[in-house]
PDB file of N, CA and C in Angstrom:
ATOM      1  N   UNK A   1      15.350  19.586  13.981  1.00  0.00           N
ATOM      2  CA  UNK A   1      14.871  20.123  12.726  1.00  0.00           C
ATOM      3  C   UNK A   1      14.482  19.010  11.757  1.00  0.00           C
ATOM      4  N   UNK A   2      15.179  17.869  11.773  1.00  0.00           N
ATOM      5  CA  UNK A   2      14.858  16.804  10.825  1.00  0.00           C
ATOM      6  C   UNK A   2      13.455  16.258  11.053  1.00  0.00           C
ATOM      7  N   UNK A   3      12.990  16.247  12.309  1.00  0.00           N
ATOM      8  CA  UNK A   3      11.616  15.817  12.591  1.00  0.00           C
ATOM      9  C   UNK A   3      10.625  16.715  11.860  1.00  0.00           C
ATOM     10  N   UNK A   4      10.836  18.026  11.913  1.00  0.00           N
ATOM     11  CA  UNK A   4       9.935  18.958  11.250  1.00  0.00           C
ATOM     12  C   UNK A   4       9.996  18.812   9.738  1.00  0.00           C
ATOM     13  N   UNK A   5      11.178  18.565   9.206  1.00  0.00           N
ATOM     14  CA  UNK A   5      11.303  18.358   7.762  1.00  0.00           C
ATOM     15  C   UNK A   5      10.500  17.145   7.323  1.00  0.00           C
ATOM     16  N   UNK A   6      10.624  16.037   8.057  1.00  0.00           N
ATOM     17  CA  UNK A   6       9.874  14.825   7.713  1.00  0.00           C
ATOM     18  C   UNK A   6       8.376  15.046   7.872  1.00  0.00           C
ATOM     19  N   UNK A   7       8.001  15.769   8.914  1.00  0.00           N
ATOM     20  CA  UNK A   7       6.592  16.026   9.187  1.00  0.00           C
ATOM     21  C   UNK A   7       5.945  16.829   8.064  1.00  0.00           C
ATOM     22  N   UNK A   8       6.669  17.794   7.527  1.00  0.00           N
ATOM     23  CA  UNK A   8       6.109  18.666   6.504  1.00  0.00           C
ATOM     24  C   UNK A   8       6.608  18.360   5.098  1.00  0.00           C
ATOM     25  N   UNK A   9       7.164  17.170   4.891  1.00  0.00           N
ATOM     26  CA  UNK A   9       7.486  16.725   3.547  1.00  0.00           C
ATOM     27  C   UNK A   9       8.867  17.049   3.052  1.00  0.00           C
ATOM     28  N   UNK A  10       9.757  17.509   3.877  1.00  0.00           N
ATOM     29  CA  UNK A  10      11.091  17.837   3.415  1.00  0.00           C
ATOM     30  C   UNK A  10      12.129  16.815   3.817  1.00  0.00           C
ATOM     31  N   UNK A  11      11.710  15.613   4.122  1.00  0.00           N
ATOM     32  CA  UNK A  11      12.621  14.617   4.661  1.00  0.00           C
ATOM     33  C   UNK A  11      13.364  13.820   3.635  1.00  0.00           C
ATOM     34  N   UNK A  12      14.241  14.279   2.930  1.00  0.00           N
ATOM     35  CA  UNK A  12      15.076  13.729   1.899  1.00  0.00           C
ATOM     36  C   UNK A  12      15.078  12.253   1.571  1.00  0.00           C
ATOM     37  N   UNK A  13      14.503  11.900   0.464  1.00  0.00           N
ATOM     38  CA  UNK A  13      14.725  10.595  -0.116  1.00  0.00           C
ATOM     39  C   UNK A  13      13.729   9.512   0.188  1.00  0.00           C
ATOM     40  N   UNK A  14      13.324   9.326   1.411  1.00  0.00           N
ATOM     41  CA  UNK A  14      12.421   8.224   1.732  1.00  0.00           C
ATOM     42  C   UNK A  14      10.982   8.638   1.482  1.00  0.00           C
ATOM     43  N   UNK A  15      10.240   7.767   0.825  1.00  0.00           N
ATOM     44  CA  UNK A  15       8.832   8.052   0.569  1.00  0.00           C
ATOM     45  C   UNK A  15       8.047   7.922   1.866  1.00  0.00           C
ATOM     46  N   UNK A  16       7.348   8.979   2.239  1.00  0.00           N
ATOM     47  CA  UNK A  16       6.521   8.926   3.429  1.00  0.00           C
ATOM     48  C   UNK A  16       5.053   9.023   3.072  1.00  0.00           C
ATOM     49  N   UNK A  17       4.735   9.235   1.827  1.00  0.00           N
ATOM     50  CA  UNK A  17       3.357   9.336   1.361  1.00  0.00           C
ATOM     51  C   UNK A  17       3.092   8.160   0.447  1.00  0.00           C
ATOM     52  N   UNK A  18       2.014   7.416   0.699  1.00  0.00           N
ATOM     53  CA  UNK A  18       1.751   6.225  -0.096  1.00  0.00           C
ATOM     54  C   UNK A  18       1.543   6.563  -1.563  1.00  0.00           C
ATOM     55  N   UNK A  19       1.120   7.777  -1.856  1.00  0.00           N
ATOM     56  CA  UNK A  19       0.941   8.168  -3.242  1.00  0.00           C
ATOM     57  C   UNK A  19       2.261   8.227  -3.989  1.00  0.00           C
ATOM     58  N   UNK A  20       3.363   8.407  -3.274  1.00  0.00           N
ATOM     59  CA  UNK A  20       4.670   8.505  -3.906  1.00  0.00           C
ATOM     60  C   UNK A  20       5.275   7.127  -4.176  1.00  0.00           C
ATOM     61  N   UNK A  21       4.713   6.111  -3.567  1.00  0.00           N
ATOM     62  CA  UNK A  21       5.262   4.767  -3.728  1.00  0.00           C
ATOM     63  C   UNK A  21       4.860   4.185  -5.074  1.00  0.00           C
ATOM     64  N   UNK A  22       5.778   3.481  -5.700  1.00  0.00           N
ATOM     65  CA  UNK A  22       5.488   2.808  -6.955  1.00  0.00           C
ATOM     66  C   UNK A  22       5.072   1.378  -6.666  1.00  0.00           C
ATOM     67  N   UNK A  23       4.217   0.849  -7.517  1.00  0.00           N
ATOM     68  CA  UNK A  23       3.757  -0.521  -7.335  1.00  0.00           C
ATOM     69  C   UNK A  23       4.907  -1.489  -7.587  1.00  0.00           C
ATOM     70  N   UNK A  24       5.193  -2.316  -6.593  1.00  0.00           N
ATOM     71  CA  UNK A  24       6.260  -3.298  -6.713  1.00  0.00           C
ATOM     72  C   UNK A  24       5.751  -4.586  -7.356  1.00  0.00           C
ATOM     73  N   UNK A  25       4.439  -4.865  -7.197  1.00  0.00           N
ATOM     74  CA  UNK A  25       3.843  -6.073  -7.740  1.00  0.00           C
ATOM     75  C   UNK A  25       2.334  -5.885  -7.763  1.00  0.00           C
ATOM     76  N   UNK A  26       1.689  -6.459  -8.776  1.00  0.00           N
ATOM     77  CA  UNK A  26       0.231  -6.406  -8.873  1.00  0.00           C
ATOM     78  C   UNK A  26      -0.301  -7.801  -9.132  1.00  0.00           C
ATOM     79  N   UNK A  27      -1.444  -8.105  -8.512  1.00  0.00           N
ATOM     80  CA  UNK A  27      -2.132  -9.371  -8.778  1.00  0.00           C
ATOM     81  C   UNK A  27      -3.620  -9.087  -8.890  1.00  0.00           C
ATOM     82  N   UNK A  28      -4.319  -9.944  -9.630  1.00  0.00           N
ATOM     83  CA  UNK A  28      -5.765  -9.869  -9.740  1.00  0.00           C
ATOM     84  C   UNK A  28      -6.353 -10.928  -8.827  1.00  0.00           C
ATOM     85  N   UNK A  29      -7.405 -10.563  -8.083  1.00  0.00           N
ATOM     86  CA  UNK A  29      -8.057 -11.506  -7.174  1.00  0.00           C
ATOM     87  C   UNK A  29      -9.542 -11.179  -7.137  1.00  0.00           C
ATOM     88  N   UNK A  30     -10.360 -12.098  -7.608  1.00  0.00           N
ATOM     89  CA  UNK A  30     -11.825 -11.959  -7.601  1.00  0.00           C
ATOM     90  C   UNK A  30     -12.292 -10.668  -8.262  1.00  0.00           C
ATOM     91  N   UNK A  31     -11.622 -10.267  -9.345  1.00  0.00           N
ATOM     92  CA  UNK A  31     -12.012  -9.060 -10.076  1.00  0.00           C
ATOM     93  C   UNK A  31     -11.421  -7.776  -9.533  1.00  0.00           C
ATOM     94  N   UNK A  32     -10.650  -7.847  -8.465  1.00  0.00           N
ATOM     95  CA  UNK A  32      -9.982  -6.681  -7.878  1.00  0.00           C
ATOM     96  C   UNK A  32      -8.517  -6.709  -8.291  1.00  0.00           C
ATOM     97  N   UNK A  33      -7.916  -5.538  -8.432  1.00  0.00           N
ATOM     98  CA  UNK A  33      -6.483  -5.426  -8.676  1.00  0.00           C
ATOM     99  C   UNK A  33      -5.825  -5.016  -7.372  1.00  0.00           C
ATOM    100  N   UNK A  34      -4.874  -5.809  -6.928  1.00  0.00           N
ATOM    101  CA  UNK A  34      -4.160  -5.530  -5.683  1.00  0.00           C
ATOM    102  C   UNK A  34      -2.731  -5.148  -6.047  1.00  0.00           C
ATOM    103  N   UNK A  35      -2.318  -3.974  -5.610  1.00  0.00           N
ATOM    104  CA  UNK A  35      -0.971  -3.464  -5.883  1.00  0.00           C
ATOM    105  C   UNK A  35      -0.210  -3.326  -4.572  1.00  0.00           C
ATOM    106  N   UNK A  36       0.950  -3.934  -4.501  1.00  0.00           N
ATOM    107  CA  UNK A  36       1.824  -3.778  -3.335  1.00  0.00           C
ATOM    108  C   UNK A  36       2.653  -2.511  -3.532  1.00  0.00           C
ATOM    109  N   UNK A  37       2.603  -1.613  -2.554  1.00  0.00           N
ATOM    110  CA  UNK A  37       3.337  -0.350  -2.641  1.00  0.00           C
ATOM    111  C   UNK A  37       4.119  -0.060  -1.360  1.00  0.00           C
ATOM    112  N   UNK A  38       4.907  -1.035  -0.877  1.00  0.00           N
ATOM    113  CA  UNK A  38       5.647  -0.771   0.364  1.00  0.00           C
ATOM    114  C   UNK A  38       6.636   0.380   0.167  1.00  0.00           C
ATOM    115  N   UNK A  39       6.904   1.081   1.249  1.00  0.00           N
ATOM    116  CA  UNK A  39       7.843   2.193   1.195  1.00  0.00           C
ATOM    117  C   UNK A  39       8.811   2.083   2.364  1.00  0.00           C
ATOM    118  N   UNK A  40       9.953   2.721   2.209  1.00  0.00           N
ATOM    119  CA  UNK A  40      10.990   2.636   3.226  1.00  0.00           C
ATOM    120  C   UNK A  40      10.718   3.645   4.333  1.00  0.00           C
ATOM    121  N   UNK A  41      10.741   3.136   5.570  1.00  0.00           N
ATOM    122  CA  UNK A  41      10.523   3.988   6.739  1.00  0.00           C
ATOM    123  C   UNK A  41      11.443   3.511   7.855  1.00  0.00           C
ATOM    124  N   UNK A  42      12.266   4.390   8.352  1.00  0.00           N
ATOM    125  CA  UNK A  42      13.195   4.065   9.442  1.00  0.00           C
ATOM    126  C   UNK A  42      14.062   2.850   9.118  1.00  0.00           C
ATOM    127  N   UNK A  43      14.514   2.752   7.890  1.00  0.00           N
ATOM    128  CA  UNK A  43      15.428   1.686   7.487  1.00  0.00           C
ATOM    129  C   UNK A  43      14.763   0.353   7.181  1.00  0.00           C
ATOM    130  N   UNK A  44      13.436   0.299   7.241  1.00  0.00           N
ATOM    131  CA  UNK A  44      12.716  -0.933   6.919  1.00  0.00           C
ATOM    132  C   UNK A  44      11.609  -0.613   5.921  1.00  0.00           C
ATOM    133  N   UNK A  45      10.980  -1.665   5.388  1.00  0.00           N
ATOM    134  CA  UNK A  45       9.903  -1.481   4.423  1.00  0.00           C
ATOM    135  C   UNK A  45       8.552  -1.663   5.095  1.00  0.00           C
ATOM    136  N   UNK A  46       7.712  -0.643   4.987  1.00  0.00           N
ATOM    137  CA  UNK A  46       6.378  -0.621   5.586  1.00  0.00           C
ATOM    138  C   UNK A  46       5.383  -1.338   4.677  1.00  0.00           C
ATOM    139  N   UNK A  47       4.552  -2.202   5.261  1.00  0.00           N
ATOM    140  CA  UNK A  47       3.510  -2.897   4.514  1.00  0.00           C
ATOM    141  C   UNK A  47       2.467  -1.882   4.059  1.00  0.00           C
ATOM    142  N   UNK A  48       2.205  -1.845   2.749  1.00  0.00           N
ATOM    143  CA  UNK A  48       1.313  -0.844   2.185  1.00  0.00           C
ATOM    144  C   UNK A  48       0.830  -1.319   0.826  1.00  0.00           C
ATOM    145  N   UNK A  49      -0.390  -0.936   0.455  1.00  0.00           N
ATOM    146  CA  UNK A  49      -0.897  -1.339  -0.847  1.00  0.00           C
ATOM    147  C   UNK A  49      -2.166  -0.616  -1.233  1.00  0.00           C
ATOM    148  N   UNK A  50      -2.666  -0.964  -2.430  1.00  0.00           N
ATOM    149  CA  UNK A  50      -3.885  -0.384  -2.972  1.00  0.00           C
ATOM    150  C   UNK A  50      -4.724  -1.508  -3.550  1.00  0.00           C
ATOM    151  N   UNK A  51      -6.013  -1.511  -3.204  1.00  0.00           N
ATOM    152  CA  UNK A  51      -6.974  -2.431  -3.798  1.00  0.00           C
ATOM    153  C   UNK A  51      -7.872  -1.584  -4.686  1.00  0.00           C
ATOM    154  N   UNK A  52      -8.020  -1.957  -5.953  1.00  0.00           N
ATOM    155  CA  UNK A  52      -8.847  -1.168  -6.855  1.00  0.00           C
ATOM    156  C   UNK A  52      -9.758  -2.062  -7.689  1.00  0.00           C
ATOM    157  N   UNK A  53     -10.862  -1.453  -8.133  1.00  0.00           N
ATOM    158  CA  UNK A  53     -11.822  -2.160  -8.977  1.00  0.00           C
ATOM    159  C   UNK A  53     -12.727  -1.124  -9.627  1.00  0.00           C
ATOM    160  N   UNK A  54     -13.126  -1.390 -10.867  1.00  0.00           N
ATOM    161  CA  UNK A  54     -14.091  -0.530 -11.526  1.00  0.00           C
ATOM    162  C   UNK A  54     -15.488  -0.927 -11.055  1.00  0.00           C
ATOM    163  N   UNK A  55     -16.225   0.048 -10.502  1.00  0.00           N
ATOM    164  CA  UNK A  55     -17.570  -0.172  -9.987  1.00  0.00           C
ATOM    165  C   UNK A  55     -18.491   0.837 -10.664  1.00  0.00           C
ATOM    166  N   UNK A  56     -19.477   0.354 -11.401  1.00  0.00           N
ATOM    167  CA  UNK A  56     -20.428   1.224 -12.114  1.00  0.00           C
ATOM    168  C   UNK A  56     -19.714   2.246 -12.994  1.00  0.00           C
ATOM    169  N   UNK A  57     -18.666   1.810 -13.675  1.00  0.00           N
ATOM    170  CA  UNK A  57     -17.938   2.673 -14.595  1.00  0.00           C
ATOM    171  C   UNK A  57     -16.965   3.637 -13.943  1.00  0.00           C
ATOM    172  N   UNK A  58     -16.803   3.548 -12.623  1.00  0.00           N
ATOM    173  CA  UNK A  58     -15.891   4.435 -11.896  1.00  0.00           C
ATOM    174  C   UNK A  58     -14.819   3.592 -11.216  1.00  0.00           C
ATOM    175  N   UNK A  59     -13.560   3.976 -11.392  1.00  0.00           N
ATOM    176  CA  UNK A  59     -12.464   3.260 -10.747  1.00  0.00           C
ATOM    177  C   UNK A  59     -12.398   3.655  -9.275  1.00  0.00           C
ATOM    178  N   UNK A  60     -12.572   2.675  -8.408  1.00  0.00           N
ATOM    179  CA  UNK A  60     -12.531   2.891  -6.962  1.00  0.00           C
ATOM    180  C   UNK A  60     -11.214   2.351  -6.427  1.00  0.00           C
ATOM    181  N   UNK A  61     -10.657   3.029  -5.426  1.00  0.00           N
ATOM    182  CA  UNK A  61      -9.408   2.600  -4.794  1.00  0.00           C
ATOM    183  C   UNK A  61      -9.541   2.630  -3.283  1.00  0.00           C
ATOM    184  N   UNK A  62      -8.910   1.663  -2.661  1.00  0.00           N
ATOM    185  CA  UNK A  62      -8.809   1.644  -1.198  1.00  0.00           C
ATOM    186  C   UNK A  62      -7.333   1.459  -0.862  1.00  0.00           C
ATOM    187  N   UNK A  63      -6.746   2.456  -0.226  1.00  0.00           N
ATOM    188  CA  UNK A  63      -5.330   2.377   0.164  1.00  0.00           C
ATOM    189  C   UNK A  63      -5.254   1.858   1.595  1.00  0.00           C
ATOM    190  N   UNK A  64      -4.257   1.013   1.831  1.00  0.00           N
ATOM    191  CA  UNK A  64      -4.087   0.490   3.184  1.00  0.00           C
ATOM    192  C   UNK A  64      -2.623   0.514   3.584  1.00  0.00           C
ATOM    193  N   UNK A  65      -2.404   0.717   4.873  1.00  0.00           N
ATOM    194  CA  UNK A  65      -1.071   0.668   5.473  1.00  0.00           C
ATOM    195  C   UNK A  65      -1.204  -0.176   6.733  1.00  0.00           C
ATOM    196  N   UNK A  66      -0.254  -1.047   6.949  1.00  0.00           N
ATOM    197  CA  UNK A  66      -0.253  -1.880   8.145  1.00  0.00           C
ATOM    198  C   UNK A  66       1.017  -1.597   8.933  1.00  0.00           C
ATOM    199  N   UNK A  67       0.999  -1.945  10.197  1.00  0.00           N
ATOM    200  CA  UNK A  67       2.133  -1.672  11.080  1.00  0.00           C
ATOM    201  C   UNK A  67       3.340  -2.559  10.783  1.00  0.00           C
ATOM    202  N   UNK A  68       3.124  -3.654  10.065  1.00  0.00           N
ATOM    203  CA  UNK A  68       4.213  -4.601   9.798  1.00  0.00           C
ATOM    204  C   UNK A  68       5.332  -3.942   8.995  1.00  0.00           C
ATOM    205  N   UNK A  69       6.559  -4.170   9.440  1.00  0.00           N
ATOM    206  CA  UNK A  69       7.745  -3.683   8.725  1.00  0.00           C
ATOM    207  C   UNK A  69       8.713  -4.834   8.536  1.00  0.00           C
ATOM    208  N   UNK A  70       9.467  -4.766   7.428  1.00  0.00           N
ATOM    209  CA  UNK A  70      10.382  -5.847   7.079  1.00  0.00           C
ATOM    210  C   UNK A  70      11.716  -5.269   6.613  1.00  0.00           C
ATOM    211  N   UNK A  71      12.772  -6.019   6.863  1.00  0.00           N
ATOM    212  CA  UNK A  71      14.104  -5.595   6.421  1.00  0.00           C
ATOM    213  C   UNK A  71      14.226  -5.671   4.906  1.00  0.00           C
ATOM    214  N   UNK A  72      13.553  -6.661   4.295  1.00  0.00           N
ATOM    215  CA  UNK A  72      13.661  -6.864   2.848  1.00  0.00           C
ATOM    216  C   UNK A  72      12.407  -6.438   2.106  1.00  0.00           C
ATOM    217  N   UNK A  73      12.593  -5.853   0.927  1.00  0.00           N
ATOM    218  CA  UNK A  73      11.486  -5.408   0.096  1.00  0.00           C
ATOM    219  C   UNK A  73      10.602  -6.577  -0.331  1.00  0.00           C
ATOM    220  N   UNK A  74      11.195  -7.707  -0.690  1.00  0.00           N
ATOM    221  CA  UNK A  74      10.411  -8.861  -1.146  1.00  0.00           C
ATOM    222  C   UNK A  74       9.419  -9.337  -0.085  1.00  0.00           C
ATOM    223  N   UNK A  75       9.842  -9.361   1.170  1.00  0.00           N
ATOM    224  CA  UNK A  75       8.941  -9.763   2.253  1.00  0.00           C
ATOM    225  C   UNK A  75       7.790  -8.774   2.403  1.00  0.00           C
ATOM    226  N   UNK A  76       8.102  -7.482   2.321  1.00  0.00           N
ATOM    227  CA  UNK A  76       7.068  -6.452   2.440  1.00  0.00           C
ATOM    228  C   UNK A  76       6.067  -6.540   1.285  1.00  0.00           C
ATOM    229  N   UNK A  77       6.549  -6.824   0.091  1.00  0.00           N
ATOM    230  CA  UNK A  77       5.675  -6.976  -1.073  1.00  0.00           C
ATOM    231  C   UNK A  77       4.754  -8.175  -0.883  1.00  0.00           C
ATOM    232  N   UNK A  78       5.315  -9.312  -0.489  1.00  0.00           N
ATOM    233  CA  UNK A  78       4.509 -10.520  -0.294  1.00  0.00           C
ATOM    234  C   UNK A  78       3.410 -10.312   0.737  1.00  0.00           C
ATOM    235  N   UNK A  79       3.732  -9.700   1.856  1.00  0.00           N
ATOM    236  CA  UNK A  79       2.740  -9.478   2.908  1.00  0.00           C
ATOM    237  C   UNK A  79       1.716  -8.435   2.462  1.00  0.00           C
ATOM    238  N   UNK A  80       2.136  -7.418   1.720  1.00  0.00           N
ATOM    239  CA  UNK A  80       1.194  -6.412   1.214  1.00  0.00           C
ATOM    240  C   UNK A  80       0.159  -7.058   0.300  1.00  0.00           C
ATOM    241  N   UNK A  81       0.594  -7.969  -0.557  1.00  0.00           N
ATOM    242  CA  UNK A  81      -0.337  -8.684  -1.445  1.00  0.00           C
ATOM    243  C   UNK A  81      -1.281  -9.551  -0.611  1.00  0.00           C
ATOM    244  N   UNK A  82      -0.750 -10.264   0.359  1.00  0.00           N
ATOM    245  CA  UNK A  82      -1.590 -11.122   1.213  1.00  0.00           C
ATOM    246  C   UNK A  82      -2.626 -10.295   1.985  1.00  0.00           C
ATOM    247  N   UNK A  83      -2.229  -9.132   2.485  1.00  0.00           N
ATOM    248  CA  UNK A  83      -3.165  -8.269   3.203  1.00  0.00           C
ATOM    249  C   UNK A  83      -4.250  -7.749   2.260  1.00  0.00           C
ATOM    250  N   UNK A  84      -3.877  -7.420   1.027  1.00  0.00           N
ATOM    251  CA  UNK A  84      -4.860  -6.976   0.039  1.00  0.00           C
ATOM    252  C   UNK A  84      -5.867  -8.070  -0.280  1.00  0.00           C
ATOM    253  N   UNK A  85      -5.385  -9.295  -0.438  1.00  0.00           N
ATOM    254  CA  UNK A  85      -6.271 -10.437  -0.685  1.00  0.00           C
ATOM    255  C   UNK A  85      -7.215 -10.639   0.502  1.00  0.00           C
ATOM    256  N   UNK A  86      -6.690 -10.510   1.701  1.00  0.00           N
ATOM    257  CA  UNK A  86      -7.506 -10.650   2.903  1.00  0.00           C
ATOM    258  C   UNK A  86      -8.614  -9.592   2.936  1.00  0.00           C
ATOM    259  N   UNK A  87      -8.284  -8.349   2.577  1.00  0.00           N
ATOM    260  CA  UNK A  87      -9.290  -7.285   2.528  1.00  0.00           C
ATOM    261  C   UNK A  87     -10.397  -7.621   1.534  1.00  0.00           C
ATOM    262  N   UNK A  88     -10.008  -8.086   0.350  1.00  0.00           N
ATOM    263  CA  UNK A  88     -10.996  -8.450  -0.673  1.00  0.00           C
ATOM    264  C   UNK A  88     -11.888  -9.577  -0.165  1.00  0.00           C
ATOM    265  N   UNK A  89     -11.278 -10.607   0.418  1.00  0.00           N
ATOM    266  CA  UNK A  89     -12.050 -11.753   0.897  1.00  0.00           C
ATOM    267  C   UNK A  89     -13.006 -11.370   2.025  1.00  0.00           C
ATOM    268  N   UNK A  90     -12.593 -10.471   2.902  1.00  0.00           N
ATOM    269  CA  UNK A  90     -13.412 -10.102   4.056  1.00  0.00           C
ATOM    270  C   UNK A  90     -14.450  -9.024   3.747  1.00  0.00           C
ATOM    271  N   UNK A  91     -14.092  -8.062   2.867  1.00  0.00           N
ATOM    272  CA  UNK A  91     -14.959  -6.904   2.677  1.00  0.00           C
ATOM    273  C   UNK A  91     -15.532  -6.754   1.266  1.00  0.00           C
ATOM    274  N   UNK A  92     -14.835  -7.276   0.273  1.00  0.00           N
ATOM    275  CA  UNK A  92     -15.314  -7.108  -1.098  1.00  0.00           C
ATOM    276  C   UNK A  92     -15.509  -5.632  -1.436  1.00  0.00           C
ATOM    277  N   UNK A  93     -16.581  -5.331  -2.175  1.00  0.00           N
ATOM    278  CA  UNK A  93     -16.835  -3.942  -2.602  1.00  0.00           C
ATOM    279  C   UNK A  93     -17.244  -3.029  -1.453  1.00  0.00           C
ATOM    280  N   UNK A  94     -17.582  -3.587  -0.297  1.00  0.00           N
ATOM    281  CA  UNK A  94     -17.945  -2.749   0.864  1.00  0.00           C
ATOM    282  C   UNK A  94     -16.795  -1.829   1.288  1.00  0.00           C
ATOM    283  N   UNK A  95     -15.563  -2.210   0.976  1.00  0.00           N
ATOM    284  CA  UNK A  95     -14.434  -1.370   1.394  1.00  0.00           C
ATOM    285  C   UNK A  95     -14.458  -0.009   0.706  1.00  0.00           C
ATOM    286  N   UNK A  96     -15.201   0.123  -0.386  1.00  0.00           N
ATOM    287  CA  UNK A  96     -15.273   1.395  -1.098  1.00  0.00           C
ATOM    288  C   UNK A  96     -16.400   2.287  -0.591  1.00  0.00           C
ATOM    289  N   UNK A  97     -17.245   1.766   0.263  1.00  0.00           N
ATOM    290  CA  UNK A  97     -18.437   2.518   0.695  1.00  0.00           C
ATOM    291  C   UNK A  97     -18.305   3.150   1.977  1.00  0.00           C
TER     292      UNK A  97
END
């Protein structure tokens, strides 16, 4: 039954939706705002974040989740920021299109 609860949103306490995660750290990089939003999954912190930028007067967001998991929140935050920077460097505004 616990599998079904987690699948349909009733899984007590741990954030399973990136929208529920709070930003642990934010940095600006090349005009983009990168927010680290790791969440706890199976006793570890999942690498997750949001890259955002205002484009033509509209705030655009790109959410990302990576397979990397860490025992400590600080490690997950650091890697989430690094992954966000990598996305900006590789894709720039194309990630919104």
